[in-house]
Structure formats: C-alpha cells, structure tokens
C-alpha atoms as a PDB file:
ATOM      1  CA  MET A   1      27.285 -21.681   3.053  1.00  0.00           C
ATOM      2  CA  ARG A   2      29.337 -24.744   4.026  1.00  0.00           C
ATOM      3  CA  GLN A   3      30.119 -25.845   7.551  1.00  0.00           C
ATOM      4  CA  SER A   4      31.741 -28.906   9.105  1.00  0.00           C
ATOM      5  CA  ILE A   5      29.753 -30.805  11.718  1.00  0.00           C
ATOM      6  CA  PRO A   6      31.577 -31.130  15.072  1.00  0.00           C
ATOM      7  CA  SER A   7      32.692 -34.631  15.875  1.00  0.00           C
ATOM      8  CA  ARG A   8      30.873 -34.553  19.222  1.00  0.00           C
ATOM      9  CA  THR A   9      27.356 -35.902  18.704  1.00  0.00           C
ATOM     10  CA  VAL A  10      24.383 -36.758  20.842  1.00  0.00           C
ATOM     11  CA  GLY A  11      22.966 -40.101  19.890  1.00  0.00           C
ATOM     12  CA  PRO A  12      23.709 -42.125  16.764  1.00  0.00           C
ATOM     13  CA  LEU A  13      24.034 -40.459  13.368  1.00  0.00           C
ATOM     14  CA  PRO A  14      21.854 -41.458  10.399  1.00  0.00           C
ATOM     15  CA  PRO A  15      23.410 -43.831   7.884  1.00  0.00           C
ATOM     16  CA  ALA A  16      26.074 -42.276   5.681  1.00  0.00           C
ATOM     17  CA  GLY A  17      24.711 -40.520   2.595  1.00  0.00           C
ATOM     18  CA  ARG A  18      23.110 -37.282   1.390  1.00  0.00           C
ATOM     19  CA  TYR A  19      19.915 -35.916   2.953  1.00  0.00           C
ATOM     20  CA  LEU A  20      17.997 -33.083   1.283  1.00  0.00           C
ATOM     21  CA  LEU A  21      16.315 -30.243   3.156  1.00  0.00           C
ATOM     22  CA  ASP A  22      12.499 -30.240   3.050  1.00  0.00           C
ATOM     23  CA  ALA A  23      12.017 -26.648   1.836  1.00  0.00           C
ATOM     24  CA  LYS A  24       8.240 -26.680   2.313  1.00  0.00           C
ATOM     25  CA  HIS A  25       8.597 -27.320   6.032  1.00  0.00           C
ATOM     26  CA  SER A  26      11.685 -25.164   6.670  1.00  0.00           C
ATOM     27  CA  THR A  27      11.916 -21.494   7.578  1.00  0.00           C
ATOM     28  CA  ILE A  28      15.006 -19.275   7.774  1.00  0.00           C
ATOM     29  CA  GLY A  29      14.398 -15.790   9.122  1.00  0.00           C
ATOM     30  CA  PHE A  30      16.423 -12.740  10.082  1.00  0.00           C
ATOM     31  CA  THR A  31      16.223  -9.572  12.148  1.00  0.00           C
ATOM     32  CA  ALA A  32      18.107  -6.378  11.229  1.00  0.00           C
ATOM     33  CA  TRP A  33      17.969  -2.772  12.373  1.00  0.00           C
ATOM     34  CA  THR A  34      17.302  -0.054   9.788  1.00  0.00           C
ATOM     35  CA  LEU A  35      16.632   3.619  10.567  1.00  0.00           C
ATOM     36  CA  GLY A  36      16.431   2.615  14.225  1.00  0.00           C
ATOM     37  CA  PHE A  37      13.612   0.089  13.708  1.00  0.00           C
ATOM     38  CA  PRO A  38      13.744  -3.722  13.893  1.00  0.00           C
ATOM     39  CA  VAL A  39      13.186  -5.207  10.452  1.00  0.00           C
ATOM     40  CA  ARG A  40      12.181  -8.859  10.405  1.00  0.00           C
ATOM     41  CA  GLY A  41      11.803 -11.087   7.409  1.00  0.00           C
ATOM     42  CA  ARG A  42      12.325 -14.525   5.995  1.00  0.00           C
ATOM     43  CA  PHE A  43      13.900 -16.030   2.917  1.00  0.00           C
ATOM     44  CA  THR A  44      11.410 -17.411   0.423  1.00  0.00           C
ATOM     45  CA  GLU A  45      13.845 -19.719  -1.374  1.00  0.00           C
ATOM     46  CA  VAL A  46      15.643 -22.302   0.755  1.00  0.00           C
ATOM     47  CA  THR A  47      17.592 -25.330  -0.462  1.00  0.00           C
ATOM     48  CA  GLY A  48      20.110 -27.459   1.339  1.00  0.00           C
ATOM     49  CA  SER A  49      21.578 -30.854   2.020  1.00  0.00           C
ATOM     50  CA  VAL A  50      23.395 -32.755   4.750  1.00  0.00           C
ATOM     51  CA  ASP A  51      26.208 -35.097   3.723  1.00  0.00           C
ATOM     52  CA  ILE A  52      26.922 -37.688   6.406  1.00  0.00           C
ATOM     53  CA  ALA A  53      30.368 -39.227   5.980  1.00  0.00           C
ATOM     54  CA  GLU A  54      31.608 -42.520   7.377  1.00  0.00           C
ATOM     55  CA  ASP A  55      33.914 -40.342   9.487  1.00  0.00           C
ATOM     56  CA  PRO A  56      31.465 -37.939  11.237  1.00  0.00           C
ATOM     57  CA  GLY A  57      34.164 -35.269  11.440  1.00  0.00           C
ATOM     58  CA  ARG A  58      34.170 -34.990   7.646  1.00  0.00           C
ATOM     59  CA  SER A  59      30.402 -34.561   7.311  1.00  0.00           C
ATOM     60  CA  GLN A  60      29.103 -31.315   5.791  1.00  0.00           C
ATOM     61  CA  VAL A  61      25.991 -29.161   5.688  1.00  0.00           C
ATOM     62  CA  THR A  62      25.230 -27.059   2.605  1.00  0.00           C
ATOM     63  CA  ALA A  63      22.436 -24.460   2.537  1.00  0.00           C
ATOM     64  CA  ARG A  64      21.419 -21.776   0.091  1.00  0.00           C
ATOM     65  CA  VAL A  65      18.931 -19.018   0.796  1.00  0.00           C
ATOM     66  CA  GLY A  66      17.529 -16.319  -1.463  1.00  0.00           C
ATOM     67  CA  GLY A  67      14.423 -14.504  -2.511  1.00  0.00           C
ATOM     68  CA  ARG A  68      13.080 -12.112  -5.086  1.00  0.00           C
ATOM     69  CA  ARG A  69      11.982  -8.620  -4.242  1.00  0.00           C
ATOM     70  CA  ARG A  70       8.423  -7.980  -5.254  1.00  0.00           C
ATOM     71  CA  ARG A  71       8.037  -4.742  -7.096  1.00  0.00           C
ATOM     72  CA  ASP A  72       4.822  -2.773  -7.342  1.00  0.00           C
ATOM     73  CA  PRO A  73       4.162  -1.966 -11.007  1.00  0.00           C
ATOM     74  CA  ASP A  74       2.254   1.157  -9.936  1.00  0.00           C
ATOM     75  CA  ARG A  75       4.823   3.203  -8.047  1.00  0.00           C
ATOM     76  CA  GLY A  76       2.880   6.408  -8.612  1.00  0.00           C
ATOM     77  CA  GLY A  77       4.427   9.799  -9.122  1.00  0.00           C
ATOM     78  CA  PRO A  78       6.211  11.257 -12.139  1.00  0.00           C
ATOM     79  CA  SER A  79       9.205   9.553 -13.665  1.00  0.00           C
ATOM     80  CA  HIS A  80      12.355  10.386 -15.561  1.00  0.00           C
ATOM     81  CA  ARG A  81      14.917   8.390 -17.459  1.00  0.00           C
ATOM     82  CA  GLU A  82      18.017   7.360 -15.543  1.00  0.00           C
ATOM     83  CA  ARG A  83      21.519   7.203 -16.892  1.00  0.00           C
ATOM     84  CA  GLY A  84      21.557   4.064 -18.985  1.00  0.00           C
ATOM     85  CA  GLY A  85      18.038   4.544 -20.300  1.00  0.00           C
ATOM     86  CA  SER A  86      15.904   2.903 -17.591  1.00  0.00           C
ATOM     87  CA  GLU A  87      12.829   4.595 -16.190  1.00  0.00           C
ATOM     88  CA  MET A  88      12.880   5.868 -12.585  1.00  0.00           C
ATOM     89  CA  SER A  89       9.783   6.967 -10.684  1.00  0.00           C
ATOM     90  CA  VAL A  90      10.312   9.955  -8.415  1.00  0.00           C
ATOM     91  CA  THR A  91       8.827   9.752  -4.922  1.00  0.00           C
ATOM     92  CA  LEU A  92       7.557  12.644  -2.787  1.00  0.00           C
ATOM     93  CA  PRO A  93      10.671  12.569  -0.549  1.00  0.00           C
ATOM     94  CA  GLU A  94      12.916  12.764  -3.619  1.00  0.00           C
ATOM     95  CA  GLU A  95      10.944  15.656  -5.072  1.00  0.00           C
ATOM     96  CA  LEU A  96      11.200  17.504  -1.757  1.00  0.00           C
ATOM     97  CA  VAL A  97      14.980  16.973  -1.797  1.00  0.00           C
ATOM     98  CA  LEU A  98      15.153  18.484  -5.297  1.00  0.00           C
ATOM     99  CA  VAL A  99      13.134  21.541  -4.245  1.00  0.00           C
ATOM    100  CA  ALA A 100      15.324  21.985  -1.140  1.00  0.00           C
ATOM    101  CA  VAL A 101      18.616  21.535  -3.021  1.00  0.00           C
ATOM    102  CA  ASP A 102      17.578  24.169  -5.549  1.00  0.00           C
ATOM    103  CA  ALA A 103      16.462  26.478  -2.725  1.00  0.00           C
ATOM    104  CA  GLU A 104      19.783  25.979  -0.948  1.00  0.00           C
ATOM    105  CA  ARG A 105      21.646  26.984  -4.102  1.00  0.00           C
ATOM    106  CA  ARG A 106      19.700  30.239  -4.026  1.00  0.00           C
ATOM    107  CA  SER A 107      20.225  30.561  -0.241  1.00  0.00           C
ATOM    108  CA  ALA A 108      16.497  30.085   0.391  1.00  0.00           C
ATOM    109  CA  CYS A 109      16.795  27.085   2.691  1.00  0.00           C
ATOM    110  CA  PRO A 110      19.767  25.050   3.970  1.00  0.00           C
ATOM    111  CA  ALA A 111      19.367  21.413   2.905  1.00  0.00           C
ATOM    112  CA  GLY A 112      20.273  20.221   6.386  1.00  0.00           C
ATOM    113  CA  SER A 113      17.755  22.408   8.218  1.00  0.00           C
ATOM    114  CA  THR A 114      15.384  21.032  10.831  1.00  0.00           C
ATOM    115  CA  ALA A 115      12.440  22.082   8.663  1.00  0.00           C
ATOM    116  CA  LEU A 116      13.665  19.759   5.922  1.00  0.00           C
ATOM    117  CA  SER A 117      14.252  16.980   8.473  1.00  0.00           C
ATOM    118  CA  TYR A 118      10.583  17.031   9.404  1.00  0.00           C
ATOM    119  CA  GLY A 119       9.622  17.564   5.773  1.00  0.00           C
ATOM    120  CA  LEU A 120      11.368  14.404   4.597  1.00  0.00           C
ATOM    121  CA  ALA A 121       9.809  12.415   7.433  1.00  0.00           C
ATOM    122  CA  GLY A 122       6.371  13.727   6.517  1.00  0.00           C
ATOM    123  CA  ALA A 123       7.005  12.990   2.845  1.00  0.00           C
ATOM    124  CA  VAL A 124       7.851   9.348   3.584  1.00  0.00           C
ATOM    125  CA  VAL A 125       4.687   8.858   5.647  1.00  0.00           C
ATOM    126  CA  THR A 126       2.585  10.656   3.018  1.00  0.00           C
ATOM    127  CA  GLU A 127       4.028   8.514   0.210  1.00  0.00           C
ATOM    128  CA  LEU A 128       3.076   5.358   2.109  1.00  0.00           C
ATOM    129  CA  LEU A 129      -0.429   6.716   2.688  1.00  0.00           C
ATOM    130  CA  LEU A 130      -0.936   7.603  -0.976  1.00  0.00           C
ATOM    131  CA  ARG A 131       0.224   4.157  -2.078  1.00  0.00           C
ATOM    132  CA  GLY A 132      -2.148   2.424   0.306  1.00  0.00           C
ATOM    133  CA  ALA A 133       0.765   0.675   2.027  1.00  0.00           C
ATOM    134  CA  VAL A 134      -0.422   1.947   5.429  1.00  0.00           C
ATOM    135  CA  GLN A 135      -3.868   2.680   6.793  1.00  0.00           C
ATOM    136  CA  VAL A 136      -5.188   4.882   9.559  1.00  0.00           C
ATOM    137  CA  THR A 137      -7.120   3.205  12.370  1.00  0.00           C
ATOM    138  CA  GLU A 138      -8.364   4.289  15.782  1.00  0.00           C
ATOM    139  CA  ARG A 139      -5.257   2.706  17.296  1.00  0.00           C
ATOM    140  CA  GLY A 140      -2.869   4.497  14.952  1.00  0.00           C
ATOM    141  CA  LEU A 141      -0.991   3.886  11.723  1.00  0.00           C
ATOM    142  CA  LEU A 142      -0.899   0.248  10.576  1.00  0.00           C
ATOM    143  CA  ALA A 143       0.952  -1.425   7.709  1.00  0.00           C
ATOM    144  CA  VAL A 144      -1.312  -3.119   5.164  1.00  0.00           C
ATOM    145  CA  ALA A 145      -0.464  -6.794   4.826  1.00  0.00           C
ATOM    146  CA  GLY A 146       1.030  -7.826   1.506  1.00  0.00           C
ATOM    147  CA  ARG A 147       1.522  -4.290   0.191  1.00  0.00           C
ATOM    148  CA  PRO A 148       5.266  -3.674  -0.274  1.00  0.00           C
ATOM    149  CA  THR A 149       6.037  -0.647  -2.430  1.00  0.00           C
ATOM    150  CA  GLY A 150       9.073  -1.977  -4.282  1.00  0.00           C
ATOM    151  CA  ASP A 151      11.072   1.038  -3.057  1.00  0.00           C
ATOM    152  CA  GLU A 152      13.873  -0.006  -0.694  1.00  0.00           C
ATOM    153  CA  LEU A 153      13.717   3.030   1.581  1.00  0.00           C
ATOM    154  CA  LEU A 154       9.919   3.076   1.797  1.00  0.00           C
ATOM    155  CA  ASP A 155       9.778  -0.650   2.461  1.00  0.00           C
ATOM    156  CA  ASP A 156      12.343  -0.324   5.251  1.00  0.00           C
ATOM    157  CA  VAL A 157      10.104   2.220   6.974  1.00  0.00           C
ATOM    158  CA  LEU A 158       7.054   0.081   6.217  1.00  0.00           C
ATOM    159  CA  LEU A 159       8.663  -2.916   7.910  1.00  0.00           C
ATOM    160  CA  GLY A 160       9.432  -0.721  10.907  1.00  0.00           C
ATOM    161  CA  ILE A 161       5.782   0.334  11.107  1.00  0.00           C
ATOM    162  CA  ARG A 162       4.685  -3.294  10.834  1.00  0.00           C
ATOM    163  CA  ALA A 163       7.049  -4.361  13.630  1.00  0.00           C
ATOM    164  CA  SER A 164       6.030  -1.528  15.955  1.00  0.00           C
ATOM    165  CA  ARG A 165       2.915  -0.956  18.015  1.00  0.00           C
ATOM    166  CA  PRO A 166       0.321   1.339  16.373  1.00  0.00           C
ATOM    167  CA  ARG A 167       1.249   5.009  16.730  1.00  0.00           C
ATOM    168  CA  PRO A 168      -0.344   8.240  15.465  1.00  0.00           C
ATOM    169  CA  VAL A 169       0.864   9.775  12.206  1.00  0.00           C
ATOM    170  CA  THR A 170       2.406  12.699  14.077  1.00  0.00           C
ATOM    171  CA  SER A 171       4.407  10.306  16.257  1.00  0.00           C
ATOM    172  CA  TRP A 172       5.878   8.585  13.200  1.00  0.00           C
ATOM    173  CA  VAL A 173       6.811  11.925  11.636  1.00  0.00           C
ATOM    174  CA  ARG A 174       8.680  12.927  14.797  1.00  0.00           C
ATOM    175  CA  ALA A 175      10.394   9.529  15.014  1.00  0.00           C
ATOM    176  CA  LEU A 176      11.547   9.586  11.395  1.00  0.00           C
ATOM    177  CA  ALA A 177      12.638  13.236  11.670  1.00  0.00           C
ATOM    178  CA  GLY A 178      15.112  12.121  14.310  1.00  0.00           C
ATOM    179  CA  ARG A 179      16.686   9.889  11.671  1.00  0.00           C
ATOM    180  CA  SER A 180      16.524  12.394   8.832  1.00  0.00           C
ATOM    181  CA  ALA A 181      20.280  12.344   8.201  1.00  0.00           C
ATOM    182  CA  SER A 182      19.981   8.738   7.075  1.00  0.00           C
ATOM    183  CA  LEU A 183      16.871   9.530   5.016  1.00  0.00           C
ATOM    184  CA  HIS A 184      18.544  12.492   3.303  1.00  0.00           C
ATOM    185  CA  ALA A 185      21.727  10.526   2.571  1.00  0.00           C
ATOM    186  CA  ARG A 186      19.862   7.592   1.017  1.00  0.00           C
ATOM    187  CA  LEU A 187      17.654   9.841  -1.104  1.00  0.00           C
ATOM    188  CA  ALA A 188      20.641  11.855  -2.288  1.00  0.00           C
ATOM    189  CA  ARG A 189      22.565   8.695  -3.236  1.00  0.00           C
ATOM    190  CA  ARG A 190      19.627   7.480  -5.313  1.00  0.00           C
ATOM    191  CA  LEU A 191      19.338  10.807  -7.132  1.00  0.00           C
ATOM    192  CA  LEU A 192      23.106  10.884  -7.656  1.00  0.00           C
ATOM    193  CA  ARG A 193      23.059   7.401  -9.218  1.00  0.00           C
ATOM    194  CA  ALA A 194      20.208   8.462 -11.489  1.00  0.00           C
ATOM    195  CA  GLY A 195      22.122  11.529 -12.665  1.00  0.00           C
ATOM    196  CA  VAL A 196      19.505  13.931 -11.303  1.00  0.00           C
ATOM    197  CA  LEU A 197      21.898  15.402  -8.697  1.00  0.00           C
ATOM    198  CA  ARG A 198      25.611  15.977  -8.799  1.00  0.00           C
ATOM    199  CA  GLU A 199      28.009  16.348  -5.904  1.00  0.00           C
ATOM    200  CA  GLU A 200      30.164  19.437  -5.486  1.00  0.00           C
ATOM    201  CA  ARG A 201      33.121  19.586  -3.118  1.00  0.00           C
ATOM    202  CA  ARG A 202      34.893  22.780  -2.103  1.00  0.00           C
ATOM    203  CA  ARG A 203      36.734  24.322   0.833  1.00  0.00           C
ATOM    204  CA  VAL A 204      35.507  27.207   2.952  1.00  0.00           C
ATOM    205  CA  LEU A 205      38.292  29.713   3.605  1.00  0.00           C
ATOM    206  CA  GLY A 206      40.522  27.296   1.776  1.00  0.00           C
ATOM    207  CA  VAL A 207      40.558  24.941   4.761  1.00  0.00           C
ATOM    208  CA  LEU A 208      37.205  23.403   5.742  1.00  0.00           C
ATOM    209  CA  PRO A 209      35.937  20.798   3.256  1.00  0.00           C
ATOM    210  CA  VAL A 210      32.270  21.229   2.326  1.00  0.00           C
ATOM    211  CA  ARG A 211      30.118  18.886   0.285  1.00  0.00           C
ATOM    212  CA  ARG A 212      27.014  20.220  -1.438  1.00  0.00           C
ATOM    213  CA  PHE A 213      24.553  18.906  -3.975  1.00  0.00           C
ATOM    214  CA  ALA A 214      23.337  20.590  -7.124  1.00  0.00           C
ATOM    215  CA  VAL A 215      20.669  19.647  -9.646  1.00  0.00           C
ATOM    216  CA  ALA A 216      22.333  18.053 -12.659  1.00  0.00           C
ATOM    217  CA  ASP A 217      19.207  17.283 -14.688  1.00  0.00           C
ATOM    218  CA  GLN A 218      17.611  20.679 -15.236  1.00  0.00           C
ATOM    219  CA  ALA A 219      14.770  19.140 -17.247  1.00  0.00           C
ATOM    220  CA  VAL A 220      13.581  17.234 -14.176  1.00  0.00           C
ATOM    221  CA  LEU A 221      13.769  20.389 -12.040  1.00  0.00           C
ATOM    222  CA  ALA A 222      11.959  22.453 -14.677  1.00  0.00           C
ATOM    223  CA  GLY A 223       9.162  19.911 -14.889  1.00  0.00           C
ATOM    224  CA  LEU A 224       8.828  19.823 -11.095  1.00  0.00           C
ATOM    225  CA  HIS A 225       8.817  23.622 -10.781  1.00  0.00           C
ATOM    226  CA  GLY A 226       6.318  23.941 -13.625  1.00  0.00           C
ATOM    227  CA  ARG A 227       3.943  21.502 -11.979  1.00  0.00           C
ATOM    228  CA  LEU A 228       4.141  23.233  -8.605  1.00  0.00           C
ATOM    229  CA  ARG A 229       3.840  26.744 -10.048  1.00  0.00           C
ATOM    230  CA  ALA A 230       0.780  25.743 -12.086  1.00  0.00           C
ATOM    231  CA  ALA A 231      -0.885  24.471  -8.912  1.00  0.00           C
ATOM    232  CA  LEU A 232       0.159  27.456  -6.776  1.00  0.00           C
ATOM    233  CA  LEU A 233      -0.892  30.125  -9.268  1.00  0.00           C
ATOM    234  CA  GLY A 234      -3.815  28.377 -10.977  1.00  0.00           C
ATOM    235  CA  HIS A 235      -7.392  27.726 -10.014  1.00  0.00           C
ATOM    236  CA  GLY A 236      -8.004  24.234 -11.365  1.00  0.00           C
ATOM    237  CA  THR A 237      -8.093  20.836  -9.707  1.00  0.00           C
ATOM    238  CA  VAL A 238      -4.790  19.594  -8.313  1.00  0.00           C
ATOM    239  CA  ASP A 239      -3.985  15.877  -8.193  1.00  0.00           C
ATOM    240  CA  SER A 240      -3.406  14.279  -4.796  1.00  0.00           C
ATOM    241  CA  ARG A 241       0.362  13.837  -5.184  1.00  0.00           C
ATOM    242  CA  THR A 242       0.968  17.432  -6.220  1.00  0.00           C
ATOM    243  CA  ALA A 243      -1.330  18.686  -3.459  1.00  0.00           C
ATOM    244  CA  SER A 244       0.547  16.598  -0.887  1.00  0.00           C
ATOM    245  CA  LEU A 245       3.897  17.908  -2.114  1.00  0.00           C
ATOM    246  CA  ILE A 246       2.660  21.507  -1.931  1.00  0.00           C
ATOM    247  CA  GLY A 247       1.567  20.951   1.665  1.00  0.00           C
ATOM    248  CA  LEU A 248       5.042  19.649   2.531  1.00  0.00           C
ATOM    249  CA  VAL A 249       6.800  22.443   0.623  1.00  0.00           C
ATOM    250  CA  ALA A 250       4.665  25.019   2.440  1.00  0.00           C
ATOM    251  CA  ALA A 251       5.363  23.416   5.829  1.00  0.00           C
ATOM    252  CA  CYS A 252       9.104  23.644   5.101  1.00  0.00           C
ATOM    253  CA  GLY A 253       8.821  27.319   4.110  1.00  0.00           C
ATOM    254  CA  LEU A 254       9.864  26.715   0.510  1.00  0.00           C
ATOM    255  CA  VAL A 255       6.878  28.181  -1.366  1.00  0.00           C
ATOM    256  CA  ASP A 256       8.448  31.621  -1.862  1.00  0.00           C
ATOM    257  CA  GLY A 257      11.354  30.074  -3.739  1.00  0.00           C
ATOM    258  CA  LEU A 258       9.037  28.687  -6.396  1.00  0.00           C
ATOM    259  CA  VAL A 259       7.454  31.994  -7.452  1.00  0.00           C
ATOM    260  CA  THR A 260       8.435  35.604  -8.034  1.00  0.00           C
ATOM    261  CA  ARG A 261       8.203  38.216  -5.311  1.00  0.00           C
ATOM    262  CA  ASP A 262       4.976  39.606  -6.747  1.00  0.00           C
ATOM    263  CA  GLU A 263       3.397  36.146  -6.803  1.00  0.00           C
ATOM    264  CA  ARG A 264       4.196  35.168  -3.227  1.00  0.00           C
ATOM    265  CA  ARG A 265       0.971  36.316  -1.559  1.00  0.00           C
ATOM    266  CA  THR A 266      -1.149  34.486  -4.112  1.00  0.00           C
ATOM    267  CA  ALA A 267       0.992  31.336  -3.883  1.00  0.00           C
ATOM    268  CA  ARG A 268       0.877  31.262  -0.066  1.00  0.00           C
ATOM    269  CA  GLY A 269      -2.913  31.603  -0.027  1.00  0.00           C
ATOM    270  CA  ARG A 270      -3.315  28.924  -2.684  1.00  0.00           C
ATOM    271  CA  ALA A 271      -0.971  26.569  -0.788  1.00  0.00           C
ATOM    272  CA  ALA A 272      -3.076  26.955   2.362  1.00  0.00           C
ATOM    273  CA  THR A 273      -6.250  26.226   0.379  1.00  0.00           C
ATOM    274  CA  ILE A 274      -4.778  23.138  -1.286  1.00  0.00           C
ATOM    275  CA  ALA A 275      -3.481  21.788   2.023  1.00  0.00           C
ATOM    276  CA  GLY A 276      -7.004  21.889   3.465  1.00  0.00           C
ATOM    277  CA  GLU A 277      -8.687  20.026   0.606  1.00  0.00           C
ATOM    278  CA  GLU A 278      -9.778  16.403   0.707  1.00  0.00           C
ATOM    279  CA  LEU A 279      -7.261  14.505  -1.389  1.00  0.00           C
ATOM    280  CA  VAL A 280      -7.953  10.766  -1.415  1.00  0.00           C
ATOM    281  CA  GLY A 281     -10.741  10.089   1.031  1.00  0.00           C
ATOM    282  CA  VAL A 282     -11.516  11.566   4.424  1.00  0.00           C
ATOM    283  CA  ALA A 283      -9.292   9.301   6.543  1.00  0.00           C
ATOM    284  CA  VAL A 284      -6.198   9.492   4.338  1.00  0.00           C
ATOM    285  CA  SER A 285      -6.643  13.238   3.768  1.00  0.00           C
ATOM    286  CA  ALA A 286      -6.844  13.804   7.526  1.00  0.00           C
ATOM    287  CA  ALA A 287      -3.733  11.687   8.065  1.00  0.00           C
ATOM    288  CA  ILE A 288      -1.811  13.608   5.401  1.00  0.00           C
ATOM    289  CA  ARG A 289      -2.853  16.891   7.040  1.00  0.00           C
ATOM    290  CA  ASP A 290      -1.663  15.493  10.381  1.00  0.00           C
ATOM    291  CA  ALA A 291       1.708  14.774   8.794  1.00  0.00           C
ATOM    292  CA  GLN A 292       1.897  18.299   7.387  1.00  0.00           C
ATOM    293  CA  VAL A 293       0.927  19.793  10.755  1.00  0.00           C
ATOM    294  CA  ALA A 294       3.679  17.759  12.430  1.00  0.00           C
ATOM    295  CA  VAL A 295       6.189  19.016   9.856  1.00  0.00           C
ATOM    296  CA  ALA A 296       5.141  22.642  10.374  1.00  0.00           C
ATOM    297  CA  ALA A 297       5.183  22.279  14.169  1.00  0.00           C
ATOM    298  CA  GLY A 298       8.669  20.760  14.153  1.00  0.00           C
ATOM    299  CA  ALA A 299      10.004  23.425  11.804  1.00  0.00           C
ATOM    300  CA  THR A 300       8.466  26.243  13.873  1.00  0.00           C
ATOM    301  CA  ALA A 301       9.814  24.872  17.153  1.00  0.00           C
ATOM    302  CA  ALA A 302      13.299  24.616  15.676  1.00  0.00           C
ATOM    303  CA  ALA A 303      13.125  28.157  14.312  1.00  0.00           C
ATOM    304  CA  VAL A 304      12.063  29.518  17.700  1.00  0.00           C
ATOM    305  CA  ALA A 305      14.831  27.600  19.473  1.00  0.00           C
ATOM    306  CA  SER A 306      17.453  28.900  17.083  1.00  0.00           C
ATOM    307  CA  THR A 307      16.440  32.539  17.629  1.00  0.00           C
ATOM    308  CA  THR A 308      15.960  32.404  21.421  1.00  0.00           C
ATOM    309  CA  PRO A 309      18.992  33.847  23.246  1.00  0.00           C
ATOM    310  CA  THR A 310      20.482  31.685  25.959  1.00  0.00           C
ATOM    311  CA  SER A 311      21.188  33.049  29.409  1.00  0.00           C
ATOM    312  CA  GLY A 312      24.509  33.015  31.115  1.00  0.00           C
END
C-alpha cells in the first residue's frame, strides 16, 4: 500500500532519503470475525520503506504484507480427484453433507433440518479432535498450539476456539449449530468446486424458486455408502473416522437410508455399538461421544418442538 504523509509533523523529520522497515522487530496483526468468532492473526512476511522528501508533503510510506498458509500433509480421511486432476481429501463434515444430500433426494431427511445443523457442528468438532488440533482438558476444549489443519473452514473454527475461553465439547456443538447455515454453505461450495455436488434450480408451483443440491460424482457416493454399509452390517473392526461418521449419521437419523428395510434393525444396533466403542484414546473417545450426544439431543429437541401443537 502507498500513502502520503500529512504535512503536519511533530518534531523535526529525519534527513531526506529512504529508510527500510526492520522486519525482525515489526509486527502487523489483524482481527476479523468468522462464524461469529473473533479471529486474530499476524502477517509473517513484512517489508516496507519510508521515503522522506525535501518537501515533507511529498514523502511516502510503502509497505507490503503477506504470508504462506501452512498445510498439514496428513489431512486424514478418504480422498477423491477434483476437476482438473488434483487430489482432495474429504472431511467428516463434507461426508455428512453427501449422506444428507442423498437422503434428501430420497425424501429421507431435508438438508436444512435442525438435525443436520447439529450434525455438521458435531462433525467439525470431531474432525478437529481426530486431527489432534484440539485437546480435552478439565477446563474444556483447548486448541493445540502450532497445529493448523490446512483446511480453511476447520482452521477458522480452530482460531475461534483458541480466542475463546475453554468451553465443554457440548457447548461448542451448540454454538456452531447456531451458525450451521454458514457451515453448510461453505461445505457445499467446496464440494461444488470439486465436482462432487451439482446445483439444481427449479420452481415450485411454477413460481417459487428453489435451489437444491445433488450428488454429481456417483463414484464418491458409492465409495462412501459402501464403507458405511460394511461397518453397519459387518462384525469387524471399524477405523476411528468411519466410527465417528456412523455416530454422527445415527444422531441425525440417517442410518435407515443407508440400508434396506430388512437390514435396518441390524444396522441400528451396530451403530449404537460402534458409537460406544473407544476410538482413539479414552479422553478423545469420550469427547467424540459428547459431541454425538449433543447432536442427538439437539435433533430430538427440534423434532419435539416441531410436533408440539401451539395453543391459541
């Protein structure tokens, strides 16, 4: 950026010439609000100079700021190839969106339901737990220093956790559920860019415009369904990510949509068993179960509210 120095000065100016910014002893920071949380940071690359002219009114300041996003080479989770050939890792929240979008197409669950709102919030917290980006303490959930995930959405939430006082897992799930519209929109945009989802626009009764999503990459959906069905109908060991996703899917009431009618009782029982298993250590497993309980509680409360008649 370039800015003229006002002609009014306090005290004498240095001799005319160029003065370079000492980057090692300079800090430029910022504060922004994302998903309702204050996000604070600083630029890691700072250069600049001050040009003092013989006429102070013509002096100038030039500064450049920048930084490189650190990316975690181990993002975890399955991956698929994006349009253009690059590899994209799929997070738990994105997988839950895919399951919900497919269920909505079959009228099994509306993608904008309160159950999904809590589910996405729980999926974000669970993803951070599985990656070791947050840890559970007696005071509540804490961000682990120096552990960004490389995922923009997850890191935004992580910065919010770091900037906030310690709070229980359930409290974070409720807080993020209140901002689920933003979560859902950002996840959908990412999946749209990757070619996994496609957008469909139509009009109800020929008047009201409606926008819906559909799965465009059926191979990704088939792989996801196959993985979940194998866990729900099998008897072997289930990896921690799949087990976490099953707990979230069950809390959102989406298990029945993954199996046939005759398989539902078996799948429900297996989902309950998987949700109670120790996944990745006692503390993290307990925190993930807390997140799933918060999702189920929020979904149940919303369902009760929607079916309770109002007086008057």
